[in-house]
């Protein structure tokens, strides 16, 4: 009978912390990798030789590249909404290791809510819209600054 390997990832641009839970109990094995996607792919191929791999990571500024790479390689990967991760009141400890283990445990128990992963085209369009909004805000700010300079110089 095949057991599932549950993997929680704490993803940053420079590093990825991996928490691996096998079966229904036991301690998590924690591995820290560099941000190199080839190392992550190698780890997942090695895990897939043992059992079925289910993985998740928290949505962040790292984007959806890891999700697309793992999906393309045939692994089940979900991106989790950070605001919907259950947290104990007063629990302020936050390290990569703790986050990765918590993600793996909560994912195994079914308490996490995945977010919609945009396509590459949708993500490019979002980036373009955000860039346009940033540019508009900068133009408004610059215009206000110029008017202020003119007003202080008595030229307005």
Protein backbone atom coordinates (compact mmCIF):
# COMPACT_ATOMS: atom_id res chain seq x y z
CA UNK A 1 0.00 0.00 0.00
CA UNK A 2 1.35 3.38 -1.02
CA UNK A 3 1.82 6.07 1.62
CA UNK A 4 1.78 9.75 0.79
CA UNK A 5 4.78 11.97 1.40
CA UNK A 6 3.62 15.43 2.52
CA UNK A 7 6.01 18.29 1.75
CA UNK A 8 5.78 21.86 3.04
CA UNK A 9 8.01 24.47 1.44
CA UNK A 10 9.02 27.85 2.82
CA UNK A 11 10.11 29.58 -0.39
CA UNK A 12 12.36 32.62 -0.69
CA UNK A 13 14.37 33.82 -3.67
CA UNK A 14 17.69 32.83 -2.07
CA UNK A 15 16.66 29.68 -0.19
CA UNK A 16 13.96 27.03 0.10
CA UNK A 17 13.30 25.19 3.36
CA UNK A 18 11.70 21.78 2.84
CA UNK A 19 9.78 19.86 5.54
CA UNK A 20 9.03 16.23 4.65
CA UNK A 21 6.39 14.19 6.50
CA UNK A 22 5.98 10.54 5.60
CA UNK A 23 2.73 8.76 6.34
CA UNK A 24 0.42 9.80 9.14
CA UNK A 25 2.83 10.35 12.00
CA UNK A 26 6.41 10.92 12.92
CA UNK A 27 8.76 13.85 12.95
CA UNK A 28 9.36 16.04 9.94
CA UNK A 29 12.68 15.85 8.14
CA UNK A 30 13.81 19.41 7.37
CA UNK A 31 16.20 20.24 4.54
CA UNK A 32 17.48 23.68 3.56
CA UNK A 33 18.23 24.17 -0.15
CA UNK A 34 19.53 27.09 -2.14
CA UNK A 35 17.07 28.84 -4.44
CA UNK A 36 18.20 26.64 -7.35
CA UNK A 37 15.18 24.94 -8.94
CA UNK A 38 17.30 22.04 -10.21
CA UNK A 39 18.08 21.00 -6.62
CA UNK A 40 14.38 21.10 -5.76
CA UNK A 41 13.53 19.01 -8.82
CA UNK A 42 16.23 16.48 -7.91
CA UNK A 43 14.86 16.20 -4.36
CA UNK A 44 11.30 15.66 -5.62
CA UNK A 45 12.40 13.00 -8.11
CA UNK A 46 14.18 11.17 -5.28
CA UNK A 47 11.07 11.40 -3.05
CA UNK A 48 8.81 10.22 -5.89
CA UNK A 49 10.80 6.97 -6.13
CA UNK A 50 9.60 6.09 -2.60
CA UNK A 51 5.94 7.22 -2.65
CA UNK A 52 3.37 9.71 -3.94
CA UNK A 53 4.41 13.31 -3.19
CA UNK A 54 1.93 16.04 -2.22
CA UNK A 55 3.43 19.50 -1.74
CA UNK A 56 2.43 23.05 -0.96
CA UNK A 57 4.01 26.43 -0.31
CA UNK A 58 2.81 29.81 0.85
CA UNK A 59 2.04 32.44 -1.81
CA UNK A 60 4.69 35.16 -1.68
CA UNK A 61 6.82 37.46 -3.76
CA UNK A 62 8.64 34.40 -5.07
CA UNK A 63 5.75 33.98 -7.50
CA UNK A 64 4.46 30.85 -9.16
CA UNK A 65 7.61 29.65 -10.94
CA UNK A 66 8.19 26.77 -8.51
CA UNK A 67 4.55 25.71 -8.84
CA UNK A 68 4.81 25.61 -12.64
CA UNK A 69 8.11 23.70 -12.58
CA UNK A 70 6.80 21.04 -10.19
CA UNK A 71 3.51 20.69 -12.08
CA UNK A 72 5.38 20.34 -15.37
CA UNK A 73 7.45 17.56 -13.79
CA UNK A 74 4.23 15.76 -12.80
CA UNK A 75 4.11 16.54 -9.07
CA UNK A 76 1.04 17.69 -7.18
CA UNK A 77 1.78 21.21 -5.91
CA UNK A 78 -0.55 23.83 -4.48
CA UNK A 79 0.06 27.45 -3.55
CA UNK A 80 -1.57 28.35 -0.23
CA UNK A 81 -3.24 31.63 0.73
CA UNK A 82 -1.15 33.09 3.60
CA UNK A 83 -4.13 34.89 5.14
CA UNK A 84 -6.06 31.62 5.44
CA UNK A 85 -3.38 29.63 7.28
CA UNK A 86 -4.67 28.83 10.78
CA UNK A 87 -2.47 30.26 13.53
CA UNK A 88 -2.61 29.91 17.29
CA UNK A 89 -3.38 33.17 19.09
CA UNK A 90 -0.23 34.71 20.49
CA UNK A 91 2.11 32.47 18.47
CA UNK A 92 4.68 34.94 17.18
CA UNK A 93 7.57 32.56 16.49
CA UNK A 94 8.30 32.57 12.80
CA UNK A 95 11.30 30.85 11.24
CA UNK A 96 11.67 29.12 7.90
CA UNK A 97 11.90 25.75 9.62
CA UNK A 98 8.77 26.27 11.76
CA UNK A 99 6.81 27.60 8.77
CA UNK A 100 7.75 24.66 6.53
CA UNK A 101 6.87 22.04 9.17
CA UNK A 102 3.59 23.82 9.97
CA UNK A 103 2.66 23.93 6.26
CA UNK A 104 3.37 20.22 5.84
CA UNK A 105 1.32 19.27 8.92
CA UNK A 106 -1.64 21.51 8.07
CA UNK A 107 -1.58 20.35 4.44
CA UNK A 108 -1.63 16.70 5.56
CA UNK A 109 -4.64 17.41 7.82
CA UNK A 110 -6.51 19.29 5.06
CA UNK A 111 -6.67 22.68 6.81
CA UNK A 112 -5.16 24.80 4.02
CA UNK A 113 -6.87 26.74 1.25
CA UNK A 114 -5.09 26.88 -2.13
CA UNK A 115 -5.15 29.99 -4.31
CA UNK A 116 -5.78 30.15 -8.03
CA UNK A 117 -2.52 30.00 -9.94
CA UNK A 118 -2.55 32.40 -12.90
CA UNK A 119 -1.23 31.39 -16.28
CA UNK A 120 1.98 32.98 -17.57
CA UNK A 121 -0.08 35.37 -19.73
CA UNK A 122 -2.33 36.38 -16.82
CA UNK A 123 0.69 36.99 -14.62
CA UNK A 124 2.33 39.14 -17.33
CA UNK A 125 -0.87 41.17 -17.66
CA UNK A 126 -1.04 41.67 -13.87
CA UNK A 127 2.57 42.85 -13.87
CA UNK A 128 1.82 45.30 -16.69
CA UNK A 129 -1.23 46.71 -14.88
CA UNK A 130 0.73 47.10 -11.63
CA UNK A 131 3.54 48.84 -13.53
CA UNK A 132 1.04 51.25 -15.11
CA UNK A 133 -0.51 52.07 -11.72
CA UNK A 134 2.94 52.66 -10.23
CA UNK A 135 3.83 54.97 -13.11
CA UNK A 136 0.58 56.94 -12.68
CA UNK A 137 1.26 57.38 -8.94
CA UNK A 138 4.80 58.58 -9.67
CA UNK A 139 3.48 61.09 -12.22
CA UNK A 140 0.94 62.46 -9.71
CA UNK A 141 3.59 62.70 -7.00
CA UNK A 142 6.04 64.48 -9.30
CA UNK A 143 3.33 66.91 -10.44
CA UNK A 144 2.47 67.72 -6.79
CA UNK A 145 6.16 68.27 -6.00
CA UNK A 146 6.58 70.63 -8.98
CA UNK A 147 3.49 72.64 -8.02
CA UNK A 148 4.80 72.90 -4.46
CA UNK A 149 8.17 74.20 -5.71
CA UNK A 150 6.45 76.73 -7.96
CA UNK A 151 4.15 77.84 -5.16
CA UNK A 152 7.05 78.29 -2.72
CA UNK A 153 8.95 80.30 -5.36
CA UNK A 154 5.96 82.59 -5.96
CA UNK A 155 5.58 81.45 -9.58
CA UNK A 156 2.12 79.91 -9.22
